[in-house]
Amino acid sequence: IVATDSGYVAPDTLHEGLNHLVFENRGTTIHECMFVRLPDGMSARAYL
């Protein structure tokens, strides 16, 4: 998973259970990457 100043470069799917991630920041400022599980019926736009 690569963080940039315009968003993330990441796969569309991951598997259930333990995931081995490599996180890299290629932006010009600090970044992080929280995984937020959305409830049924909530879109990303509604969360934002």
All heavy atoms as atom14 arrays in JSON, in Angstrom:
{
  "sequence": "IVATDSGYVAPDTLHEGLNHLVFENRGTTIHECMFVRLPDGMSARAYL",
  "atom14_mask": [
    [1, 1, 1, 1, 1, 1, 1, 1, 0, 0, 0, 0, 0, 0],
    [1, 1, 1, 1, 1, 1, 1, 0, 0, 0, 0, 0, 0, 0],
    [1, 1, 1, 1, 1, 0, 0, 0, 0, 0, 0, 0, 0, 0],
    [1, 1, 1, 1, 1, 1, 1, 0, 0, 0, 0, 0, 0, 0],
    [1, 1, 1, 1, 1, 1, 1, 1, 0, 0, 0, 0, 0, 0],
    [1, 1, 1, 1, 1, 1, 0, 0, 0, 0, 0, 0, 0, 0],
    [1, 1, 1, 1, 0, 0, 0, 0, 0, 0, 0, 0, 0, 0],
    [1, 1, 1, 1, 1, 1, 1, 1, 1, 1, 1, 1, 0, 0],
    [1, 1, 1, 1, 1, 1, 1, 0, 0, 0, 0, 0, 0, 0],
    [1, 1, 1, 1, 1, 0, 0, 0, 0, 0, 0, 0, 0, 0],
    [1, 1, 1, 1, 1, 1, 1, 0, 0, 0, 0, 0, 0, 0],
    [1, 1, 1, 1, 1, 1, 1, 1, 0, 0, 0, 0, 0, 0],
    [1, 1, 1, 1, 1, 1, 1, 0, 0, 0, 0, 0, 0, 0],
    [1, 1, 1, 1, 1, 1, 1, 1, 0, 0, 0, 0, 0, 0],
    [1, 1, 1, 1, 1, 1, 1, 1, 1, 1, 0, 0, 0, 0],
    [1, 1, 1, 1, 1, 1, 1, 1, 1, 0, 0, 0, 0, 0],
    [1, 1, 1, 1, 0, 0, 0, 0, 0, 0, 0, 0, 0, 0],
    [1, 1, 1, 1, 1, 1, 1, 1, 0, 0, 0, 0, 0, 0],
    [1, 1, 1, 1, 1, 1, 1, 1, 0, 0, 0, 0, 0, 0],
    [1, 1, 1, 1, 1, 1, 1, 1, 1, 1, 0, 0, 0, 0],
    [1, 1, 1, 1, 1, 1, 1, 1, 0, 0, 0, 0, 0, 0],
    [1, 1, 1, 1, 1, 1, 1, 0, 0, 0, 0, 0, 0, 0],
    [1, 1, 1, 1, 1, 1, 1, 1, 1, 1, 1, 0, 0, 0],
    [1, 1, 1, 1, 1, 1, 1, 1, 1, 0, 0, 0, 0, 0],
    [1, 1, 1, 1, 1, 1, 1, 1, 0, 0, 0, 0, 0, 0],
    [1, 1, 1, 1, 1, 1, 1, 1, 1, 1, 1, 0, 0, 0],
    [1, 1, 1, 1, 0, 0, 0, 0, 0, 0, 0, 0, 0, 0],
    [1, 1, 1, 1, 1, 1, 1, 0, 0, 0, 0, 0, 0, 0],
    [1, 1, 1, 1, 1, 1, 1, 0, 0, 0, 0, 0, 0, 0],
    [1, 1, 1, 1, 1, 1, 1, 1, 0, 0, 0, 0, 0, 0],
    [1, 1, 1, 1, 1, 1, 1, 1, 1, 1, 0, 0, 0, 0],
    [1, 1, 1, 1, 1, 1, 1, 1, 1, 0, 0, 0, 0, 0],
    [1, 1, 1, 1, 1, 1, 0, 0, 0, 0, 0, 0, 0, 0],
    [1, 1, 1, 1, 1, 1, 1, 1, 0, 0, 0, 0, 0, 0],
    [1, 1, 1, 1, 1, 1, 1, 1, 1, 1, 1, 0, 0, 0],
    [1, 1, 1, 1, 1, 1, 1, 0, 0, 0, 0, 0, 0, 0],
    [1, 1, 1, 1, 1, 1, 1, 1, 1, 1, 1, 0, 0, 0],
    [1, 1, 1, 1, 1, 1, 1, 1, 0, 0, 0, 0, 0, 0],
    [1, 1, 1, 1, 1, 1, 1, 0, 0, 0, 0, 0, 0, 0],
    [1, 1, 1, 1, 1, 1, 1, 1, 0, 0, 0, 0, 0, 0],
    [1, 1, 1, 1, 0, 0, 0, 0, 0, 0, 0, 0, 0, 0],
    [1, 1, 1, 1, 1, 1, 1, 1, 0, 0, 0, 0, 0, 0],
    [1, 1, 1, 1, 1, 1, 0, 0, 0, 0, 0, 0, 0, 0],
    [1, 1, 1, 1, 1, 0, 0, 0, 0, 0, 0, 0, 0, 0],
    [1, 1, 1, 1, 1, 1, 1, 1, 1, 1, 1, 0, 0, 0],
    [1, 1, 1, 1, 1, 0, 0, 0, 0, 0, 0, 0, 0, 0],
    [1, 1, 1, 1, 1, 1, 1, 1, 1, 1, 1, 1, 0, 0],
    [1, 1, 1, 1, 1, 1, 1, 1, 0, 0, 0, 0, 0, 0]
  ],
  "atom14_positions": [
    [[0.87, -1.18, 0.0], [0.0, 0.0, 0.0], [0.9, 1.23, 0.0], [1.76, 1.38, 0.88], [-0.93, 0.02, 1.23], [-1.87, -1.2, 1.21], [-1.74, 1.32, 1.27], [-2.8, -1.28, 2.4], [0.0, 0.0, 0.0], [0.0, 0.0, 0.0], [0.0, 0.0, 0.0], [0.0, 0.0, 0.0], [0.0, 0.0, 0.0], [0.0, 0.0, 0.0]],
    [[0.73, 2.06, -0.99], [1.55, 3.26, -1.15], [0.7, 4.49, -0.93], [-0.36, 4.65, -1.56], [2.2, 3.3, -2.55], [3.01, 4.58, -2.72], [3.08, 2.07, -2.76], [0.0, 0.0, 0.0], [0.0, 0.0, 0.0], [0.0, 0.0, 0.0], [0.0, 0.0, 0.0], [0.0, 0.0, 0.0], [0.0, 0.0, 0.0], [0.0, 0.0, 0.0]],
    [[1.14, 5.35, -0.03], [0.46, 6.62, 0.22], [1.1, 7.71, -0.63], [2.33, 7.82, -0.69], [0.53, 6.99, 1.69], [0.0, 0.0, 0.0], [0.0, 0.0, 0.0], [0.0, 0.0, 0.0], [0.0, 0.0, 0.0], [0.0, 0.0, 0.0], [0.0, 0.0, 0.0], [0.0, 0.0, 0.0], [0.0, 0.0, 0.0], [0.0, 0.0, 0.0]],
    [[0.27, 8.49, -1.31], [0.74, 9.65, -2.06], [-0.06, 10.86, -1.59], [-1.02, 10.73, -0.83], [0.55, 9.46, -3.57], [-0.85, 9.53, -3.88], [1.08, 8.11, -4.03], [0.0, 0.0, 0.0], [0.0, 0.0, 0.0], [0.0, 0.0, 0.0], [0.0, 0.0, 0.0], [0.0, 0.0, 0.0], [0.0, 0.0, 0.0], [0.0, 0.0, 0.0]],
    [[0.31, 12.03, -2.06], [-0.41, 13.24, -1.66], [-1.8, 13.32, -2.27], [-2.62, 14.14, -1.85], [0.4, 14.48, -2.04], [1.69, 14.59, -1.25], [1.81, 13.92, -0.21], [2.6, 15.32, -1.69], [0.0, 0.0, 0.0], [0.0, 0.0, 0.0], [0.0, 0.0, 0.0], [0.0, 0.0, 0.0], [0.0, 0.0, 0.0], [0.0, 0.0, 0.0]],
    [[-2.09, 12.47, -3.24], [-3.42, 12.47, -3.86], [-4.25, 11.25, -3.5], [-5.38, 11.11, -3.97], [-3.28, 12.56, -5.39], [-2.52, 11.48, -5.89], [0.0, 0.0, 0.0], [0.0, 0.0, 0.0], [0.0, 0.0, 0.0], [0.0, 0.0, 0.0], [0.0, 0.0, 0.0], [0.0, 0.0, 0.0], [0.0, 0.0, 0.0], [0.0, 0.0, 0.0]],
    [[-3.73, 10.39, -2.65], [-4.49, 9.22, -2.24], [-3.61, 7.99, -2.13], [-2.38, 8.09, -1.97], [0.0, 0.0, 0.0], [0.0, 0.0, 0.0], [0.0, 0.0, 0.0], [0.0, 0.0, 0.0], [0.0, 0.0, 0.0], [0.0, 0.0, 0.0], [0.0, 0.0, 0.0], [0.0, 0.0, 0.0], [0.0, 0.0, 0.0], [0.0, 0.0, 0.0]],
    [[-4.24, 6.8, -2.2], [-3.53, 5.54, -2.01], [-3.45, 4.74, -3.3], [-4.37, 4.75, -4.11], [-4.25, 4.66, -0.97], [-4.31, 5.25, 0.41], [-5.49, 5.83, 0.89], [-3.21, 5.22, 1.27], [-5.57, 6.36, 2.16], [-3.27, 5.76, 2.55], [-4.45, 6.32, 2.98], [-4.52, 6.86, 4.24], [0.0, 0.0, 0.0], [0.0, 0.0, 0.0]],
    [[-2.34, 4.04, -3.45], [-2.22, 3.01, -4.46], [-2.31, 1.69, -3.7], [-1.44, 1.36, -2.88], [-0.89, 3.09, -5.23], [-0.79, 1.96, -6.25], [-0.76, 4.45, -5.91], [0.0, 0.0, 0.0], [0.0, 0.0, 0.0], [0.0, 0.0, 0.0], [0.0, 0.0, 0.0], [0.0, 0.0, 0.0], [0.0, 0.0, 0.0], [0.0, 0.0, 0.0]],
    [[-3.38, 0.93, -3.93], [-3.63, -0.27, -3.16], [-4.45, -1.25, -3.98], [-5.14, -0.85, -4.93], [-4.39, 0.08, -1.87], [0.0, 0.0, 0.0], [0.0, 0.0, 0.0], [0.0, 0.0, 0.0], [0.0, 0.0, 0.0], [0.0, 0.0, 0.0], [0.0, 0.0, 0.0], [0.0, 0.0, 0.0], [0.0, 0.0, 0.0], [0.0, 0.0, 0.0]],
    [[-4.43, -2.53, -3.63], [-5.26, -3.51, -4.35], [-6.73, -3.27, -4.05], [-7.09, -2.63, -3.05], [-4.78, -4.85, -3.79], [-4.23, -4.53, -2.45], [-3.62, -3.17, -2.57], [0.0, 0.0, 0.0], [0.0, 0.0, 0.0], [0.0, 0.0, 0.0], [0.0, 0.0, 0.0], [0.0, 0.0, 0.0], [0.0, 0.0, 0.0], [0.0, 0.0, 0.0]],
    [[-7.6, -3.81, -4.91], [-9.04, -3.65, -4.69], [-9.57, -4.61, -3.64], [-10.61, -4.35, -3.03], [-9.79, -3.88, -6.01], [-9.49, -2.81, -7.06], [-9.29, -1.65, -6.65], [-9.44, -3.15, -8.25], [0.0, 0.0, 0.0], [0.0, 0.0, 0.0], [0.0, 0.0, 0.0], [0.0, 0.0, 0.0], [0.0, 0.0, 0.0], [0.0, 0.0, 0.0]],
    [[-8.87, -5.73, -3.44], [-9.35, -6.74, -2.5], [-8.21, -7.23, -1.61], [-7.04, -7.23, -2.02], [-9.97, -7.95, -3.21], [-8.97, -8.57, -4.03], [-11.15, -7.53, -4.07], [0.0, 0.0, 0.0], [0.0, 0.0, 0.0], [0.0, 0.0, 0.0], [0.0, 0.0, 0.0], [0.0, 0.0, 0.0], [0.0, 0.0, 0.0], [0.0, 0.0, 0.0]],
    [[-8.57, -7.64, -0.41], [-7.67, -8.31, 0.53], [-8.4, -9.55, 1.04], [-9.61, -9.66, 0.9], [-7.31, -7.38, 1.7], [-6.53, -6.11, 1.35], [-6.4, -5.22, 2.59], [-5.15, -6.45, 0.82], [0.0, 0.0, 0.0], [0.0, 0.0, 0.0], [0.0, 0.0, 0.0], [0.0, 0.0, 0.0], [0.0, 0.0, 0.0], [0.0, 0.0, 0.0]],
    [[-7.66, -10.46, 1.67], [-8.31, -11.67, 2.18], [-8.66, -11.52, 3.67], [-8.1, -10.68, 4.38], [-7.41, -12.89, 1.96], [-6.12, -12.85, 2.75], [-4.91, -12.61, 2.17], [-5.87, -13.03, 4.06], [-3.96, -12.63, 3.08], [-4.51, -12.88, 4.25], [0.0, 0.0, 0.0], [0.0, 0.0, 0.0], [0.0, 0.0, 0.0], [0.0, 0.0, 0.0]],
    [[-9.58, -12.35, 4.11], [-9.95, -12.36, 5.52], [-8.8, -12.93, 6.36], [-7.97, -13.69, 5.87], [-11.2, -13.21, 5.73], [-12.45, -12.66, 5.08], [-13.64, -13.58, 5.28], [-13.98, -13.86, 6.46], [-14.22, -14.04, 4.28], [0.0, 0.0, 0.0], [0.0, 0.0, 0.0], [0.0, 0.0, 0.0], [0.0, 0.0, 0.0], [0.0, 0.0, 0.0]],
    [[-8.79, -12.55, 7.63], [-7.75, -13.04, 8.53], [-6.56, -12.1, 8.57], [-6.66, -10.91, 8.25], [0.0, 0.0, 0.0], [0.0, 0.0, 0.0], [0.0, 0.0, 0.0], [0.0, 0.0, 0.0], [0.0, 0.0, 0.0], [0.0, 0.0, 0.0], [0.0, 0.0, 0.0], [0.0, 0.0, 0.0], [0.0, 0.0, 0.0], [0.0, 0.0, 0.0]],
    [[-5.43, -12.64, 8.96], [-4.22, -11.83, 9.1], [-3.67, -11.46, 7.73], [-3.47, -12.33, 6.87], [-3.18, -12.6, 9.9], [-2.02, -11.79, 10.48], [-2.52, -10.78, 11.51], [-1.0, -12.72, 11.13], [0.0, 0.0, 0.0], [0.0, 0.0, 0.0], [0.0, 0.0, 0.0], [0.0, 0.0, 0.0], [0.0, 0.0, 0.0], [0.0, 0.0, 0.0]],
    [[-3.43, -10.16, 7.5], [-2.86, -9.67, 6.25], [-1.47, -9.09, 6.52], [-1.27, -8.35, 7.48], [-3.75, -8.58, 5.65], [-4.93, -9.14, 4.88], [-4.89, -9.26, 3.67], [-5.99, -9.49, 5.6], [0.0, 0.0, 0.0], [0.0, 0.0, 0.0], [0.0, 0.0, 0.0], [0.0, 0.0, 0.0], [0.0, 0.0, 0.0], [0.0, 0.0, 0.0]],
    [[-0.54, -9.45, 5.65], [0.83, -8.92, 5.72], [0.93, -7.73, 4.77], [0.83, -7.88, 3.56], [1.81, -10.02, 5.33], [3.24, -9.59, 5.32], [4.24, -10.36, 4.76], [3.86, -8.48, 5.81], [5.4, -9.75, 4.89], [5.2, -8.59, 5.52], [0.0, 0.0, 0.0], [0.0, 0.0, 0.0], [0.0, 0.0, 0.0], [0.0, 0.0, 0.0]],
    [[1.09, -6.55, 5.34], [1.11, -5.31, 4.56], [2.52, -4.71, 4.54], [3.25, -4.79, 5.53], [0.15, -4.28, 5.16], [-1.28, -4.73, 5.46], [-2.05, -3.59, 6.12], [-1.98, -5.18, 4.19], [0.0, 0.0, 0.0], [0.0, 0.0, 0.0], [0.0, 0.0, 0.0], [0.0, 0.0, 0.0], [0.0, 0.0, 0.0], [0.0, 0.0, 0.0]],
    [[2.85, -4.1, 3.43], [4.04, -3.24, 3.34], [3.53, -1.85, 3.02], [2.93, -1.63, 1.96], [5.02, -3.72, 2.26], [6.19, -2.75, 2.15], [5.53, -5.12, 2.57], [0.0, 0.0, 0.0], [0.0, 0.0, 0.0], [0.0, 0.0, 0.0], [0.0, 0.0, 0.0], [0.0, 0.0, 0.0], [0.0, 0.0, 0.0], [0.0, 0.0, 0.0]],
    [[3.74, -0.92, 3.96], [3.24, 0.45, 3.78], [4.41, 1.37, 3.46], [5.44, 1.35, 4.13], [2.54, 0.92, 5.05], [1.98, 2.32, 4.96], [0.91, 2.59, 4.12], [2.52, 3.36, 5.69], [0.38, 3.88, 4.03], [2.0, 4.65, 5.61], [0.93, 4.9, 4.77], [0.0, 0.0, 0.0], [0.0, 0.0, 0.0], [0.0, 0.0, 0.0]],
    [[4.22, 2.19, 2.43], [5.27, 3.11, 2.01], [4.67, 4.48, 1.74], [3.62, 4.6, 1.11], [5.94, 2.59, 0.75], [7.1, 3.44, 0.25], [7.8, 2.83, -0.94], [7.41, 1.72, -1.37], [8.74, 3.46, -1.46], [0.0, 0.0, 0.0], [0.0, 0.0, 0.0], [0.0, 0.0, 0.0], [0.0, 0.0, 0.0], [0.0, 0.0, 0.0]],
    [[5.34, 5.51, 2.23], [4.89, 6.89, 2.0], [5.75, 7.51, 0.92], [6.93, 7.8, 1.13], [5.0, 7.7, 3.3], [4.5, 9.13, 3.12], [4.08, 9.53, 2.03], [4.56, 9.91, 4.18], [0.0, 0.0, 0.0], [0.0, 0.0, 0.0], [0.0, 0.0, 0.0], [0.0, 0.0, 0.0], [0.0, 0.0, 0.0], [0.0, 0.0, 0.0]],
    [[5.16, 7.73, -0.26], [5.87, 8.39, -1.36], [5.37, 9.82, -1.56], [5.62, 10.43, -2.61], [5.68, 7.59, -2.65], [6.35, 6.22, -2.63], [6.22, 5.52, -3.96], [6.66, 4.13, -3.9], [6.46, 3.23, -4.84], [5.83, 3.58, -5.95], [6.87, 1.99, -4.69], [0.0, 0.0, 0.0], [0.0, 0.0, 0.0], [0.0, 0.0, 0.0]],
    [[4.67, 10.34, -0.59], [4.2, 11.72, -0.66], [5.25, 12.69, -0.18], [6.38, 12.32, 0.14], [0.0, 0.0, 0.0], [0.0, 0.0, 0.0], [0.0, 0.0, 0.0], [0.0, 0.0, 0.0], [0.0, 0.0, 0.0], [0.0, 0.0, 0.0], [0.0, 0.0, 0.0], [0.0, 0.0, 0.0], [0.0, 0.0, 0.0], [0.0, 0.0, 0.0]],
    [[4.85, 13.96, -0.11], [5.77, 15.01, 0.35], [5.49, 15.41, 1.78], [6.17, 16.29, 2.32], [5.66, 16.25, -0.56], [4.31, 16.75, -0.5], [6.0, 15.9, -2.0], [0.0, 0.0, 0.0], [0.0, 0.0, 0.0], [0.0, 0.0, 0.0], [0.0, 0.0, 0.0], [0.0, 0.0, 0.0], [0.0, 0.0, 0.0], [0.0, 0.0, 0.0]],
    [[4.5, 14.79, 2.39], [4.15, 15.09, 3.77], [3.84, 13.8, 4.49], [3.89, 12.71, 3.91], [2.94, 16.05, 3.82], [2.71, 16.44, 5.19], [1.68, 15.39, 3.28], [0.0, 0.0, 0.0], [0.0, 0.0, 0.0], [0.0, 0.0, 0.0], [0.0, 0.0, 0.0], [0.0, 0.0, 0.0], [0.0, 0.0, 0.0], [0.0, 0.0, 0.0]],
    [[3.52, 13.87, 5.76], [3.23, 12.7, 6.58], [1.9, 12.07, 6.15], [0.95, 12.79, 5.83], [3.19, 13.11, 8.07], [4.57, 13.59, 8.51], [2.7, 11.96, 8.95], [4.56, 14.35, 9.82], [0.0, 0.0, 0.0], [0.0, 0.0, 0.0], [0.0, 0.0, 0.0], [0.0, 0.0, 0.0], [0.0, 0.0, 0.0], [0.0, 0.0, 0.0]],
    [[1.84, 10.74, 6.17], [0.6, 10.03, 5.87], [0.45, 8.82, 6.8], [1.43, 8.35, 7.39], [0.56, 9.56, 4.42], [0.45, 10.65, 3.42], [-0.66, 11.47, 3.33], [1.32, 11.09, 2.47], [-0.48, 12.36, 2.36], [0.71, 12.15, 1.82], [0.0, 0.0, 0.0], [0.0, 0.0, 0.0], [0.0, 0.0, 0.0], [0.0, 0.0, 0.0]],
    [[-0.78, 8.32, 6.9], [-1.1, 7.09, 7.62], [-2.16, 6.35, 6.82], [-2.61, 6.84, 5.77], [-1.6, 7.41, 9.04], [-2.9, 8.18, 9.06], [-3.35, 8.57, 10.47], [-2.58, 8.36, 11.43], [-4.48, 9.09, 10.59], [0.0, 0.0, 0.0], [0.0, 0.0, 0.0], [0.0, 0.0, 0.0], [0.0, 0.0, 0.0], [0.0, 0.0, 0.0]],
    [[-2.59, 5.18, 7.31], [-3.59, 4.42, 6.55], [-4.44, 3.58, 7.5], [-4.11, 2.42, 7.78], [-2.91, 3.53, 5.51], [-4.07, 2.61, 4.47], [0.0, 0.0, 0.0], [0.0, 0.0, 0.0], [0.0, 0.0, 0.0], [0.0, 0.0, 0.0], [0.0, 0.0, 0.0], [0.0, 0.0, 0.0], [0.0, 0.0, 0.0], [0.0, 0.0, 0.0]],
    [[-5.53, 4.17, 7.99], [-6.44, 3.44, 8.86], [-7.43, 2.63, 8.03], [-7.96, 3.11, 7.02], [-7.2, 4.4, 9.76], [-8.27, 3.72, 10.62], [-9.13, 4.87, 11.7], [-7.87, 5.08, 12.97], [0.0, 0.0, 0.0], [0.0, 0.0, 0.0], [0.0, 0.0, 0.0], [0.0, 0.0, 0.0], [0.0, 0.0, 0.0], [0.0, 0.0, 0.0]],
    [[-7.69, 1.4, 8.46], [-8.72, 0.57, 7.87], [-10.01, 0.79, 8.65], [-10.09, 0.42, 9.83], [-8.33, -0.9, 7.91], [-7.31, -1.29, 6.88], [-5.95, -1.06, 7.1], [-7.69, -1.87, 5.68], [-5.01, -1.41, 6.15], [-6.75, -2.23, 4.72], [-5.4, -1.98, 4.95], [0.0, 0.0, 0.0], [0.0, 0.0, 0.0], [0.0, 0.0, 0.0]],
    [[-11.01, 1.38, 8.01], [-12.31, 1.64, 8.65], [-13.34, 0.74, 7.99], [-13.63, 0.89, 6.79], [-12.73, 3.11, 8.5], [-14.07, 3.34, 9.2], [-11.65, 4.03, 9.08], [0.0, 0.0, 0.0], [0.0, 0.0, 0.0], [0.0, 0.0, 0.0], [0.0, 0.0, 0.0], [0.0, 0.0, 0.0], [0.0, 0.0, 0.0], [0.0, 0.0, 0.0]],
    [[-13.91, -0.21, 8.74], [-14.93, -1.09, 8.19], [-16.28, -0.39, 8.22], [-16.77, 0.0, 9.28], [-15.0, -2.41, 8.97], [-15.86, -3.47, 8.28], [-15.66, -4.85, 8.86], [-16.29, -5.0, 10.15], [-15.65, -5.25, 11.3], [-14.33, -5.36, 11.3], [-16.3, -5.4, 12.43], [0.0, 0.0, 0.0], [0.0, 0.0, 0.0], [0.0, 0.0, 0.0]],
    [[-16.86, -0.21, 7.03], [-18.11, 0.51, 6.92], [-19.29, -0.42, 7.2], [-19.3, -1.56, 6.74], [-18.25, 1.11, 5.52], [-17.14, 2.09, 5.09], [-17.36, 2.5, 3.64], [-17.1, 3.31, 6.0], [0.0, 0.0, 0.0], [0.0, 0.0, 0.0], [0.0, 0.0, 0.0], [0.0, 0.0, 0.0], [0.0, 0.0, 0.0], [0.0, 0.0, 0.0]],
    [[-20.3, 0.04, 7.93], [-21.47, -0.81, 8.17], [-22.3, -0.93, 6.9], [-22.18, -0.12, 5.98], [-22.23, -0.05, 9.26], [-21.85, 1.39, 9.05], [-20.41, 1.36, 8.59], [0.0, 0.0, 0.0], [0.0, 0.0, 0.0], [0.0, 0.0, 0.0], [0.0, 0.0, 0.0], [0.0, 0.0, 0.0], [0.0, 0.0, 0.0], [0.0, 0.0, 0.0]],
    [[-23.14, -1.96, 6.86], [-24.03, -2.14, 5.71], [-24.87, -0.88, 5.51], [-25.44, -0.33, 6.46], [-24.96, -3.34, 5.94], [-24.2, -4.66, 5.92], [-23.08, -4.67, 5.4], [-24.74, -5.66, 6.44], [0.0, 0.0, 0.0], [0.0, 0.0, 0.0], [0.0, 0.0, 0.0], [0.0, 0.0, 0.0], [0.0, 0.0, 0.0], [0.0, 0.0, 0.0]],
    [[-24.91, -0.42, 4.27], [-25.72, 0.75, 3.96], [-24.98, 2.07, 4.05], [-25.52, 3.1, 3.64], [0.0, 0.0, 0.0], [0.0, 0.0, 0.0], [0.0, 0.0, 0.0], [0.0, 0.0, 0.0], [0.0, 0.0, 0.0], [0.0, 0.0, 0.0], [0.0, 0.0, 0.0], [0.0, 0.0, 0.0], [0.0, 0.0, 0.0], [0.0, 0.0, 0.0]],
    [[-23.74, 2.07, 4.58], [-22.96, 3.32, 4.66], [-21.93, 3.34, 3.54], [-21.09, 2.44, 3.42], [-22.26, 3.47, 6.01], [-21.4, 4.75, 6.08], [-20.46, 4.93, 7.64], [-21.76, 5.46, 8.75], [0.0, 0.0, 0.0], [0.0, 0.0, 0.0], [0.0, 0.0, 0.0], [0.0, 0.0, 0.0], [0.0, 0.0, 0.0], [0.0, 0.0, 0.0]],
    [[-22.0, 4.37, 2.72], [-21.01, 4.55, 1.66], [-19.81, 5.32, 2.2], [-19.87, 5.92, 3.28], [-21.63, 5.31, 0.49], [-21.96, 6.63, 0.89], [0.0, 0.0, 0.0], [0.0, 0.0, 0.0], [0.0, 0.0, 0.0], [0.0, 0.0, 0.0], [0.0, 0.0, 0.0], [0.0, 0.0, 0.0], [0.0, 0.0, 0.0], [0.0, 0.0, 0.0]],
    [[-18.75, 5.31, 1.42], [-17.59, 6.11, 1.79], [-17.95, 7.58, 1.87], [-17.51, 8.3, 2.77], [-16.46, 5.88, 0.79], [0.0, 0.0, 0.0], [0.0, 0.0, 0.0], [0.0, 0.0, 0.0], [0.0, 0.0, 0.0], [0.0, 0.0, 0.0], [0.0, 0.0, 0.0], [0.0, 0.0, 0.0], [0.0, 0.0, 0.0], [0.0, 0.0, 0.0]],
    [[-18.81, 8.04, 0.96], [-19.23, 9.43, 0.95], [-20.01, 9.79, 2.22], [-19.83, 10.86, 2.8], [-20.09, 9.7, -0.28], [-20.52, 11.14, -0.5], [-19.34, 12.05, -0.78], [-18.87, 12.76, 0.41], [-17.75, 13.43, 0.47], [-16.95, 13.47, -0.59], [-17.38, 14.06, 1.57], [0.0, 0.0, 0.0], [0.0, 0.0, 0.0], [0.0, 0.0, 0.0]],
    [[-20.87, 8.86, 2.67], [-21.65, 9.11, 3.88], [-20.74, 9.19, 5.1], [-20.97, 10.01, 6.01], [-22.69, 8.01, 4.08], [0.0, 0.0, 0.0], [0.0, 0.0, 0.0], [0.0, 0.0, 0.0], [0.0, 0.0, 0.0], [0.0, 0.0, 0.0], [0.0, 0.0, 0.0], [0.0, 0.0, 0.0], [0.0, 0.0, 0.0], [0.0, 0.0, 0.0]],
    [[-19.72, 8.35, 5.13], [-18.75, 8.4, 6.23], [-18.04, 9.75, 6.24], [-17.91, 10.4, 7.29], [-17.74, 7.27, 6.08], [-16.69, 7.23, 7.18], [-16.88, 6.47, 8.33], [-15.49, 7.93, 7.04], [-15.92, 6.43, 9.32], [-14.52, 7.89, 8.03], [-14.73, 7.14, 9.17], [-13.77, 7.1, 10.15], [0.0, 0.0, 0.0], [0.0, 0.0, 0.0]],
    [[-17.59, 10.2, 5.07], [-16.88, 11.47, 4.99], [-17.8, 12.64, 5.34], [-17.36, 13.62, 5.95], [-16.31, 11.65, 3.58], [-15.25, 10.61, 3.16], [-14.81, 10.86, 1.74], [-14.07, 10.64, 4.11], [0.0, 0.0, 0.0], [0.0, 0.0, 0.0], [0.0, 0.0, 0.0], [0.0, 0.0, 0.0], [0.0, 0.0, 0.0], [0.0, 0.0, 0.0]]
  ]
}
